[in-house]
Amino acid sequence: MQIEPLSEALGAEVRGLDLSRPLMAAEVEAVREAFFDHHLLCFRAAPLNPGDFVRLGRHFGTPKMQLLRFQRDDAAPEVNVLESTYKSPEDKPDDLRMVRLSGWHTDDSYFATPAKATMLQGLDIPSAGGHTKFANMHKAYETLPDATRARLDGLRAVHAYDTPRAPGRAKTRTAEEAVETPDVVHPLVRTHDDTGRRAIYFNPNRTDRVDGLARGESDALLDALYDHMTGSDLQYHHEWRVGDILLWDNRSLVHAVNTDYPVGEVRRHQRILLEGGAPV
């Protein structure tokens, strides 16, 4: 097994690992170390059936049930099937910022105990566009001016299922799903519970406001933070191949999708979220 970095900012490709069989303990430990070092790992593979995908995910944590019932796989409900195909020209807006996936975000932050990691496999990939970009929130925090870090430490922010700060709207919840997702409050800077490193914990698709600040002051702070943490030097862009599996750390990264891909070409992935703890 070899670990090859994908960029200076984050990410590594894992080569020489046979995902068609159960992994050995030494292999899992090597992957775990690489995961903490690089925050995102790419495995080149053939598409897995949902049951095998769950078994692979269990090597790295405990899969959790995802919120939206209509996306759950019938045979393996821990797996969500995510399709973002433009089925008609009307589905693709002129302003791609209105497509929810195009906004920077970290998965699951609207829960009190968000998923620590996401595992996503490409099943159908369009011929152009559709890549996923990631940004490193450890480096974003560490490159802030000292005065800004001091201001952020101790601040907490309200995460909601949706916020008017995001241009695109979230998928509609059922009444049951809405009850499960009241607003929650998380620290604006979190400490990684495995490595101890600090990172900005701001989800532009879900973070509504900084707790205790007036709306104008909160918006100004979050807008400045957004500009800093999405700098190009903090990013890696992944161009999908069919079968690619990405495993990334939601405690360390935010991500967004290039939603400029052709109408009528299927874009479909399967996803597992791994249980995490409350951000501190």
C-alpha atoms as a PDB file:
ATOM      1  CA  MET A   1       0.000   0.000   0.000  1.00  0.00           C
ATOM      2  CA  GLN A   2       1.254   3.460  -0.935  1.00  0.00           C
ATOM      3  CA  ILE A   3       0.023   6.896   0.139  1.00  0.00           C
ATOM      4  CA  GLU A   4       0.526   9.616  -2.501  1.00  0.00           C
ATOM      5  CA  PRO A   5      -0.362  13.249  -1.650  1.00  0.00           C
ATOM      6  CA  LEU A   6      -2.889  14.857  -3.990  1.00  0.00           C
ATOM      7  CA  SER A   7      -2.062  18.496  -3.223  1.00  0.00           C
ATOM      8  CA  GLU A   8      -0.129  20.687  -0.817  1.00  0.00           C
ATOM      9  CA  ALA A   9      -3.337  21.757   0.890  1.00  0.00           C
ATOM     10  CA  LEU A  10      -4.879  18.356   1.678  1.00  0.00           C
ATOM     11  CA  GLY A  11      -5.685  14.907   0.357  1.00  0.00           C
ATOM     12  CA  ALA A  12      -3.863  11.701  -0.567  1.00  0.00           C
ATOM     13  CA  GLU A  13      -4.501   8.747  -2.856  1.00  0.00           C
ATOM     14  CA  VAL A  14      -4.272   5.265  -1.364  1.00  0.00           C
ATOM     15  CA  ARG A  15      -2.820   2.793  -3.854  1.00  0.00           C
ATOM     16  CA  GLY A  16      -2.353  -0.955  -3.737  1.00  0.00           C
ATOM     17  CA  LEU A  17      -5.275  -1.677  -1.420  1.00  0.00           C
ATOM     18  CA  ASP A  18      -7.704  -4.405  -2.508  1.00  0.00           C
ATOM     19  CA  LEU A  19     -11.169  -3.236  -1.460  1.00  0.00           C
ATOM     20  CA  SER A  20     -12.849  -6.405  -2.718  1.00  0.00           C
ATOM     21  CA  ARG A  21     -11.808  -8.222   0.489  1.00  0.00           C
ATOM     22  CA  PRO A  22     -11.942  -7.367   4.209  1.00  0.00           C
ATOM     23  CA  LEU A  23      -9.049  -5.155   5.260  1.00  0.00           C
ATOM     24  CA  MET A  24      -6.408  -6.367   7.681  1.00  0.00           C
ATOM     25  CA  ALA A  25      -5.866  -4.555  10.979  1.00  0.00           C
ATOM     26  CA  ALA A  26      -2.494  -3.190   9.871  1.00  0.00           C
ATOM     27  CA  GLU A  27      -4.051  -1.802   6.684  1.00  0.00           C
ATOM     28  CA  VAL A  28      -6.842  -0.102   8.609  1.00  0.00           C
ATOM     29  CA  GLU A  29      -4.337   1.478  10.994  1.00  0.00           C
ATOM     30  CA  ALA A  30      -2.198   2.759   8.095  1.00  0.00           C
ATOM     31  CA  VAL A  31      -5.277   4.257   6.451  1.00  0.00           C
ATOM     32  CA  ARG A  32      -6.322   5.820   9.757  1.00  0.00           C
ATOM     33  CA  GLU A  33      -2.914   7.501  10.174  1.00  0.00           C
ATOM     34  CA  ALA A  34      -3.008   8.795   6.598  1.00  0.00           C
ATOM     35  CA  PHE A  35      -6.541  10.081   7.178  1.00  0.00           C
ATOM     36  CA  PHE A  36      -5.434  12.190  10.140  1.00  0.00           C
ATOM     37  CA  ASP A  37      -2.407  13.486   8.204  1.00  0.00           C
ATOM     38  CA  HIS A  38      -4.218  14.364   4.954  1.00  0.00           C
ATOM     39  CA  HIS A  39      -7.907  14.769   6.027  1.00  0.00           C
ATOM     40  CA  LEU A  40      -9.107  13.250   2.733  1.00  0.00           C
ATOM     41  CA  LEU A  41      -8.256   9.915   1.134  1.00  0.00           C
ATOM     42  CA  CYS A  42      -9.043   8.708  -2.386  1.00  0.00           C
ATOM     43  CA  PHE A  43      -9.372   5.015  -3.233  1.00  0.00           C
ATOM     44  CA  ARG A  44      -9.648   3.992  -6.899  1.00  0.00           C
ATOM     45  CA  ALA A  45     -12.144   1.152  -7.117  1.00  0.00           C
ATOM     46  CA  ALA A  46     -15.013  -0.388  -9.020  1.00  0.00           C
ATOM     47  CA  PRO A  47     -18.524   0.564  -7.855  1.00  0.00           C
ATOM     48  CA  LEU A  48     -19.489  -1.425  -4.752  1.00  0.00           C
ATOM     49  CA  ASN A  49     -22.932  -2.769  -3.996  1.00  0.00           C
ATOM     50  CA  PRO A  50     -24.502  -1.000  -0.982  1.00  0.00           C
ATOM     51  CA  GLY A  51     -23.830  -3.890   1.409  1.00  0.00           C
ATOM     52  CA  ASP A  52     -20.118  -4.005   0.546  1.00  0.00           C
ATOM     53  CA  PHE A  53     -19.967  -0.221   0.775  1.00  0.00           C
ATOM     54  CA  VAL A  54     -21.308  -0.393   4.341  1.00  0.00           C
ATOM     55  CA  ARG A  55     -18.830  -3.125   5.258  1.00  0.00           C
ATOM     56  CA  LEU A  56     -15.970  -0.954   3.985  1.00  0.00           C
ATOM     57  CA  GLY A  57     -17.232   2.041   5.935  1.00  0.00           C
ATOM     58  CA  ARG A  58     -17.330   0.054   9.179  1.00  0.00           C
ATOM     59  CA  HIS A  59     -13.525  -0.238   9.052  1.00  0.00           C
ATOM     60  CA  PHE A  60     -13.358   3.513   9.727  1.00  0.00           C
ATOM     61  CA  GLY A  61     -16.278   4.129  12.088  1.00  0.00           C
ATOM     62  CA  THR A  62     -19.932   3.451  12.781  1.00  0.00           C
ATOM     63  CA  PRO A  63     -22.309   4.338   9.933  1.00  0.00           C
ATOM     64  CA  LYS A  64     -25.221   6.491  11.038  1.00  0.00           C
ATOM     65  CA  MET A  65     -28.692   6.791   9.567  1.00  0.00           C
ATOM     66  CA  GLN A  66     -28.925   9.897   7.420  1.00  0.00           C
ATOM     67  CA  LEU A  67     -31.760  12.376   7.777  1.00  0.00           C
ATOM     68  CA  LEU A  68     -33.654  12.298   4.481  1.00  0.00           C
ATOM     69  CA  ARG A  69     -35.583   9.038   4.261  1.00  0.00           C
ATOM     70  CA  PHE A  70     -36.271   9.233   0.528  1.00  0.00           C
ATOM     71  CA  GLN A  71     -32.534   8.987  -0.227  1.00  0.00           C
ATOM     72  CA  ARG A  72     -31.922   5.841   1.856  1.00  0.00           C
ATOM     73  CA  ASP A  73     -31.069   2.661  -0.034  1.00  0.00           C
ATOM     74  CA  ASP A  74     -33.731  -0.022   0.361  1.00  0.00           C
ATOM     75  CA  ALA A  75     -31.242  -2.855   0.971  1.00  0.00           C
ATOM     76  CA  ALA A  76     -28.751  -0.912   3.116  1.00  0.00           C
ATOM     77  CA  PRO A  77     -30.481   2.069   4.770  1.00  0.00           C
ATOM     78  CA  GLU A  78     -27.185   3.441   6.142  1.00  0.00           C
ATOM     79  CA  VAL A  79     -26.368   4.305   2.511  1.00  0.00           C
ATOM     80  CA  ASN A  80     -27.848   7.394   0.886  1.00  0.00           C
ATOM     81  CA  VAL A  81     -28.075   7.501  -2.899  1.00  0.00           C
ATOM     82  CA  LEU A  82     -27.457  11.090  -4.043  1.00  0.00           C
ATOM     83  CA  GLU A  83     -28.432  12.064  -7.574  1.00  0.00           C
ATOM     84  CA  SER A  84     -27.779  15.592  -8.801  1.00  0.00           C
ATOM     85  CA  THR A  85     -28.595  15.141 -12.505  1.00  0.00           C
ATOM     86  CA  TYR A  86     -30.071  18.023 -14.500  1.00  0.00           C
ATOM     87  CA  LYS A  87     -32.890  16.114 -16.157  1.00  0.00           C
ATOM     88  CA  SER A  88     -34.077  19.066 -18.241  1.00  0.00           C
ATOM     89  CA  PRO A  89     -32.676  22.497 -19.203  1.00  0.00           C
ATOM     90  CA  GLU A  90     -35.083  24.073 -16.710  1.00  0.00           C
ATOM     91  CA  ASP A  91     -33.389  22.144 -13.875  1.00  0.00           C
ATOM     92  CA  LYS A  92     -30.088  23.977 -14.443  1.00  0.00           C
ATOM     93  CA  PRO A  93     -30.363  27.616 -13.319  1.00  0.00           C
ATOM     94  CA  ASP A  94     -28.456  30.414 -15.017  1.00  0.00           C
ATOM     95  CA  ASP A  95     -27.034  31.370 -11.608  1.00  0.00           C
ATOM     96  CA  LEU A  96     -25.375  28.154 -10.406  1.00  0.00           C
ATOM     97  CA  ARG A  97     -25.044  29.578  -6.912  1.00  0.00           C
ATOM     98  CA  MET A  98     -28.728  28.660  -6.557  1.00  0.00           C
ATOM     99  CA  VAL A  99     -27.792  24.963  -6.722  1.00  0.00           C
ATOM    100  CA  ARG A 100     -27.407  23.900  -3.104  1.00  0.00           C
ATOM    101  CA  LEU A 101     -24.383  21.658  -3.777  1.00  0.00           C
ATOM    102  CA  SER A 102     -22.391  24.613  -5.083  1.00  0.00           C
ATOM    103  CA  GLY A 103     -22.238  26.198  -1.639  1.00  0.00           C
ATOM    104  CA  TRP A 104     -19.353  25.415   0.704  1.00  0.00           C
ATOM    105  CA  HIS A 105     -20.451  23.171   3.562  1.00  0.00           C
ATOM    106  CA  THR A 106     -19.538  20.411   5.989  1.00  0.00           C
ATOM    107  CA  ASP A 107     -21.892  17.467   6.307  1.00  0.00           C
ATOM    108  CA  ASP A 108     -24.355  17.029   9.155  1.00  0.00           C
ATOM    109  CA  SER A 109     -23.557  20.168  11.173  1.00  0.00           C
ATOM    110  CA  TYR A 110     -27.270  20.768  11.883  1.00  0.00           C
ATOM    111  CA  PHE A 111     -27.138  17.883  14.387  1.00  0.00           C
ATOM    112  CA  ALA A 112     -25.870  18.177  17.969  1.00  0.00           C
ATOM    113  CA  THR A 113     -23.483  15.294  17.183  1.00  0.00           C
ATOM    114  CA  PRO A 114     -22.497  15.693  13.517  1.00  0.00           C
ATOM    115  CA  ALA A 115     -20.878  12.956  11.449  1.00  0.00           C
ATOM    116  CA  LYS A 116     -17.106  12.920  11.901  1.00  0.00           C
ATOM    117  CA  ALA A 117     -16.462  11.653   8.375  1.00  0.00           C
ATOM    118  CA  THR A 118     -18.114  11.123   5.001  1.00  0.00           C
ATOM    119  CA  MET A 119     -17.458   8.269   2.570  1.00  0.00           C
ATOM    120  CA  LEU A 120     -18.684   8.958  -0.954  1.00  0.00           C
ATOM    121  CA  GLN A 121     -18.401   6.799  -4.089  1.00  0.00           C
ATOM    122  CA  GLY A 122     -18.973   7.967  -7.653  1.00  0.00           C
ATOM    123  CA  LEU A 123     -21.430   5.706  -9.505  1.00  0.00           C
ATOM    124  CA  ASP A 124     -22.277   7.838 -12.575  1.00  0.00           C
ATOM    125  CA  ILE A 125     -20.093  10.780 -13.549  1.00  0.00           C
ATOM    126  CA  PRO A 126     -20.856  13.427 -16.216  1.00  0.00           C
ATOM    127  CA  SER A 127     -18.394  14.005 -19.039  1.00  0.00           C
ATOM    128  CA  ALA A 128     -17.472  17.500 -17.830  1.00  0.00           C
ATOM    129  CA  GLY A 129     -17.765  19.467 -14.587  1.00  0.00           C
ATOM    130  CA  GLY A 130     -19.140  17.954 -11.419  1.00  0.00           C
ATOM    131  CA  HIS A 131     -15.853  17.880  -9.535  1.00  0.00           C
ATOM    132  CA  THR A 132     -15.835  18.354  -5.754  1.00  0.00           C
ATOM    133  CA  LYS A 133     -13.564  20.940  -4.165  1.00  0.00           C
ATOM    134  CA  PHE A 134     -12.341  20.805  -0.580  1.00  0.00           C
ATOM    135  CA  ALA A 135     -10.755  23.411   1.708  1.00  0.00           C
ATOM    136  CA  ASN A 136      -8.569  22.811   4.767  1.00  0.00           C
ATOM    137  CA  MET A 137     -10.034  24.390   7.904  1.00  0.00           C
ATOM    138  CA  HIS A 138      -6.979  23.628  10.064  1.00  0.00           C
ATOM    139  CA  LYS A 139      -4.791  25.694   7.757  1.00  0.00           C
ATOM    140  CA  ALA A 140      -7.510  28.328   7.501  1.00  0.00           C
ATOM    141  CA  TYR A 141      -7.497  28.721  11.294  1.00  0.00           C
ATOM    142  CA  GLU A 142      -3.722  28.626  11.613  1.00  0.00           C
ATOM    143  CA  THR A 143      -3.244  31.350   8.972  1.00  0.00           C
ATOM    144  CA  LEU A 144      -5.662  33.809  10.576  1.00  0.00           C
ATOM    145  CA  PRO A 145      -4.146  36.902  12.212  1.00  0.00           C
ATOM    146  CA  ASP A 146      -3.550  36.438  15.926  1.00  0.00           C
ATOM    147  CA  ALA A 147      -6.183  39.035  16.798  1.00  0.00           C
ATOM    148  CA  THR A 148      -8.813  37.267  14.699  1.00  0.00           C
ATOM    149  CA  ARG A 149      -8.035  33.898  16.282  1.00  0.00           C
ATOM    150  CA  ALA A 150      -8.356  35.467  19.704  1.00  0.00           C
ATOM    151  CA  ARG A 151     -11.723  36.949  18.732  1.00  0.00           C
ATOM    152  CA  LEU A 152     -13.068  33.638  17.393  1.00  0.00           C
ATOM    153  CA  ASP A 153     -11.991  31.497  20.324  1.00  0.00           C
ATOM    154  CA  GLY A 154     -14.983  31.064  22.591  1.00  0.00           C
ATOM    155  CA  LEU A 155     -17.569  32.233  20.060  1.00  0.00           C
ATOM    156  CA  ARG A 156     -20.432  29.884  19.216  1.00  0.00           C
ATOM    157  CA  ALA A 157     -22.642  29.809  16.139  1.00  0.00           C
ATOM    158  CA  VAL A 158     -26.184  28.663  15.415  1.00  0.00           C
ATOM    159  CA  HIS A 159     -26.459  25.898  12.799  1.00  0.00           C
ATOM    160  CA  ALA A 160     -29.864  25.420  11.172  1.00  0.00           C
ATOM    161  CA  TYR A 161     -31.143  22.984   8.572  1.00  0.00           C
ATOM    162  CA  ASP A 162     -31.398  26.033   6.310  1.00  0.00           C
ATOM    163  CA  THR A 163     -30.380  29.673   6.527  1.00  0.00           C
ATOM    164  CA  PRO A 164     -31.173  32.699   4.340  1.00  0.00           C
ATOM    165  CA  ARG A 165     -27.432  33.323   4.233  1.00  0.00           C
ATOM    166  CA  ALA A 166     -27.153  30.442   1.720  1.00  0.00           C
ATOM    167  CA  PRO A 167     -28.256  31.332  -1.849  1.00  0.00           C
ATOM    168  CA  GLY A 168     -29.754  27.881  -2.588  1.00  0.00           C
ATOM    169  CA  ARG A 169     -32.491  26.251  -0.571  1.00  0.00           C
ATOM    170  CA  ALA A 170     -32.166  22.934   1.274  1.00  0.00           C
ATOM    171  CA  LYS A 171     -34.249  19.884   0.340  1.00  0.00           C
ATOM    172  CA  THR A 172     -37.709  19.807   1.908  1.00  0.00           C
ATOM    173  CA  ARG A 173     -37.998  17.790   5.129  1.00  0.00           C
ATOM    174  CA  THR A 174     -40.925  15.731   6.252  1.00  0.00           C
ATOM    175  CA  ALA A 175     -42.590  16.710   9.523  1.00  0.00           C
ATOM    176  CA  GLU A 176     -40.734  13.860  11.240  1.00  0.00           C
ATOM    177  CA  GLU A 177     -37.393  14.999   9.837  1.00  0.00           C
ATOM    178  CA  ALA A 178     -38.047  18.597  10.904  1.00  0.00           C
ATOM    179  CA  VAL A 179     -38.678  17.486  14.497  1.00  0.00           C
ATOM    180  CA  GLU A 180     -35.303  15.706  14.434  1.00  0.00           C
ATOM    181  CA  THR A 181     -33.419  18.826  13.323  1.00  0.00           C
ATOM    182  CA  PRO A 182     -33.973  21.787  15.652  1.00  0.00           C
ATOM    183  CA  ASP A 183     -31.352  24.532  15.526  1.00  0.00           C
ATOM    184  CA  VAL A 184     -28.132  23.673  17.378  1.00  0.00           C
ATOM    185  CA  VAL A 185     -25.174  25.699  18.633  1.00  0.00           C
ATOM    186  CA  HIS A 186     -21.544  24.725  17.969  1.00  0.00           C
ATOM    187  CA  PRO A 187     -18.208  26.430  18.666  1.00  0.00           C
ATOM    188  CA  LEU A 188     -16.956  28.543  15.766  1.00  0.00           C
ATOM    189  CA  VAL A 189     -13.533  26.967  16.303  1.00  0.00           C
ATOM    190  CA  ARG A 190     -13.492  23.275  17.190  1.00  0.00           C
ATOM    191  CA  THR A 191     -10.766  20.993  18.519  1.00  0.00           C
ATOM    192  CA  HIS A 192     -10.310  17.738  16.621  1.00  0.00           C
ATOM    193  CA  ASP A 193     -11.079  14.942  19.071  1.00  0.00           C
ATOM    194  CA  ASP A 194      -8.437  12.598  17.618  1.00  0.00           C
ATOM    195  CA  THR A 195      -5.539  14.931  16.801  1.00  0.00           C
ATOM    196  CA  GLY A 196      -6.103  17.952  19.056  1.00  0.00           C
ATOM    197  CA  ARG A 197      -5.670  20.395  16.143  1.00  0.00           C
ATOM    198  CA  ARG A 198      -7.972  23.385  15.986  1.00  0.00           C
ATOM    199  CA  ALA A 199     -10.083  24.227  12.939  1.00  0.00           C
ATOM    200  CA  ILE A 200     -12.694  26.740  11.839  1.00  0.00           C
ATOM    201  CA  TYR A 201     -16.132  25.139  12.132  1.00  0.00           C
ATOM    202  CA  PHE A 202     -18.305  27.287   9.896  1.00  0.00           C
ATOM    203  CA  ASN A 203     -20.793  25.750   7.467  1.00  0.00           C
ATOM    204  CA  PRO A 204     -21.872  28.471   4.997  1.00  0.00           C
ATOM    205  CA  ASN A 205     -24.895  26.398   3.923  1.00  0.00           C
ATOM    206  CA  ARG A 206     -26.104  25.898   7.513  1.00  0.00           C
ATOM    207  CA  THR A 207     -24.520  28.425   9.896  1.00  0.00           C
ATOM    208  CA  ASP A 208     -27.103  31.143  10.415  1.00  0.00           C
ATOM    209  CA  ARG A 209     -25.479  33.493  12.902  1.00  0.00           C
ATOM    210  CA  VAL A 210     -22.925  33.907  15.663  1.00  0.00           C
ATOM    211  CA  ASP A 211     -24.642  33.458  19.001  1.00  0.00           C
ATOM    212  CA  GLY A 212     -24.835  36.650  21.039  1.00  0.00           C
ATOM    213  CA  LEU A 213     -23.966  39.055  18.193  1.00  0.00           C
ATOM    214  CA  ALA A 214     -26.332  41.407  16.398  1.00  0.00           C
ATOM    215  CA  ARG A 215     -27.230  40.187  12.895  1.00  0.00           C
ATOM    216  CA  GLY A 216     -25.139  42.847  11.144  1.00  0.00           C
ATOM    217  CA  GLU A 217     -22.032  42.161  13.235  1.00  0.00           C
ATOM    218  CA  SER A 218     -22.517  38.413  12.857  1.00  0.00           C
ATOM    219  CA  ASP A 219     -22.882  38.646   9.074  1.00  0.00           C
ATOM    220  CA  ALA A 220     -19.779  40.813   8.760  1.00  0.00           C
ATOM    221  CA  LEU A 221     -17.708  38.359  10.804  1.00  0.00           C
ATOM    222  CA  LEU A 222     -18.953  35.305   8.910  1.00  0.00           C
ATOM    223  CA  ASP A 223     -18.467  36.989   5.521  1.00  0.00           C
ATOM    224  CA  ALA A 224     -14.855  37.853   6.368  1.00  0.00           C
ATOM    225  CA  LEU A 225     -14.267  34.330   7.634  1.00  0.00           C
ATOM    226  CA  TYR A 226     -15.754  32.881   4.438  1.00  0.00           C
ATOM    227  CA  ASP A 227     -13.420  34.931   2.239  1.00  0.00           C
ATOM    228  CA  HIS A 228     -10.396  33.731   4.193  1.00  0.00           C
ATOM    229  CA  MET A 229     -11.242  30.046   4.503  1.00  0.00           C
ATOM    230  CA  THR A 230     -12.076  29.534   0.816  1.00  0.00           C
ATOM    231  CA  GLY A 231      -8.756  30.847  -0.457  1.00  0.00           C
ATOM    232  CA  SER A 232      -7.347  28.916  -3.423  1.00  0.00           C
ATOM    233  CA  ASP A 233      -4.172  27.967  -1.518  1.00  0.00           C
ATOM    234  CA  LEU A 234      -6.311  25.983   0.955  1.00  0.00           C
ATOM    235  CA  GLN A 235      -8.099  23.917  -1.700  1.00  0.00           C
ATOM    236  CA  TYR A 236      -7.948  20.576  -3.512  1.00  0.00           C
ATOM    237  CA  HIS A 237     -10.306  19.840  -6.425  1.00  0.00           C
ATOM    238  CA  HIS A 238     -11.231  16.214  -7.070  1.00  0.00           C
ATOM    239  CA  GLU A 239     -12.139  15.228 -10.620  1.00  0.00           C
ATOM    240  CA  TRP A 240     -14.252  12.112 -10.263  1.00  0.00           C
ATOM    241  CA  ARG A 241     -13.772   8.800 -12.019  1.00  0.00           C
ATOM    242  CA  VAL A 242     -16.450   6.121 -11.866  1.00  0.00           C
ATOM    243  CA  GLY A 243     -15.821   4.024  -8.734  1.00  0.00           C
ATOM    244  CA  ASP A 244     -13.723   6.606  -6.881  1.00  0.00           C
ATOM    245  CA  ILE A 245     -14.238   6.474  -3.121  1.00  0.00           C
ATOM    246  CA  LEU A 246     -13.437   9.573  -1.093  1.00  0.00           C
ATOM    247  CA  LEU A 247     -13.199   9.412   2.681  1.00  0.00           C
ATOM    248  CA  TRP A 248     -12.957  12.852   4.274  1.00  0.00           C
ATOM    249  CA  ASP A 249     -12.940  14.408   7.718  1.00  0.00           C
ATOM    250  CA  ASN A 250     -15.836  16.771   8.400  1.00  0.00           C
ATOM    251  CA  ARG A 251     -13.978  18.090  11.446  1.00  0.00           C
ATOM    252  CA  SER A 252     -11.183  19.347   9.195  1.00  0.00           C
ATOM    253  CA  LEU A 253     -12.672  20.257   5.804  1.00  0.00           C
ATOM    254  CA  VAL A 254     -15.482  22.010   4.000  1.00  0.00           C
ATOM    255  CA  HIS A 255     -16.475  21.073   0.458  1.00  0.00           C
ATOM    256  CA  ALA A 256     -18.530  22.269  -2.510  1.00  0.00           C
ATOM    257  CA  VAL A 257     -19.424  20.970  -5.973  1.00  0.00           C
ATOM    258  CA  ASN A 258     -18.771  22.449  -9.407  1.00  0.00           C
ATOM    259  CA  THR A 259     -22.363  22.250 -10.621  1.00  0.00           C
ATOM    260  CA  ASP A 260     -21.623  23.265 -14.216  1.00  0.00           C
ATOM    261  CA  TYR A 261     -22.086  19.901 -15.946  1.00  0.00           C
ATOM    262  CA  PRO A 262     -24.194  18.895 -18.958  1.00  0.00           C
ATOM    263  CA  VAL A 263     -27.960  18.579 -18.835  1.00  0.00           C
ATOM    264  CA  GLY A 264     -29.122  14.969 -19.192  1.00  0.00           C
ATOM    265  CA  GLU A 265     -25.844  13.366 -18.051  1.00  0.00           C
ATOM    266  CA  VAL A 266     -26.339  11.383 -14.852  1.00  0.00           C
ATOM    267  CA  ARG A 267     -24.405  12.446 -11.747  1.00  0.00           C
ATOM    268  CA  ARG A 268     -24.978   9.906  -8.971  1.00  0.00           C
ATOM    269  CA  HIS A 269     -23.077   8.907  -5.817  1.00  0.00           C
ATOM    270  CA  GLN A 270     -23.612   6.708  -2.786  1.00  0.00           C
ATOM    271  CA  ARG A 271     -22.758   8.057   0.653  1.00  0.00           C
ATOM    272  CA  ILE A 272     -22.157   6.887   4.206  1.00  0.00           C
ATOM    273  CA  LEU A 273     -21.791   9.193   7.201  1.00  0.00           C
ATOM    274  CA  LEU A 274     -19.760   7.984  10.190  1.00  0.00           C
ATOM    275  CA  GLU A 275     -20.848   8.821  13.730  1.00  0.00           C
ATOM    276  CA  GLY A 276     -18.998  11.593  15.537  1.00  0.00           C
ATOM    277  CA  GLY A 277     -19.128  13.432  18.848  1.00  0.00           C
ATOM    278  CA  ALA A 278     -20.322  16.884  19.846  1.00  0.00           C
ATOM    279  CA  PRO A 279     -17.920  19.610  18.611  1.00  0.00           C
ATOM    280  CA  VAL A 280     -15.844  21.201  21.382  1.00  0.00           C
END
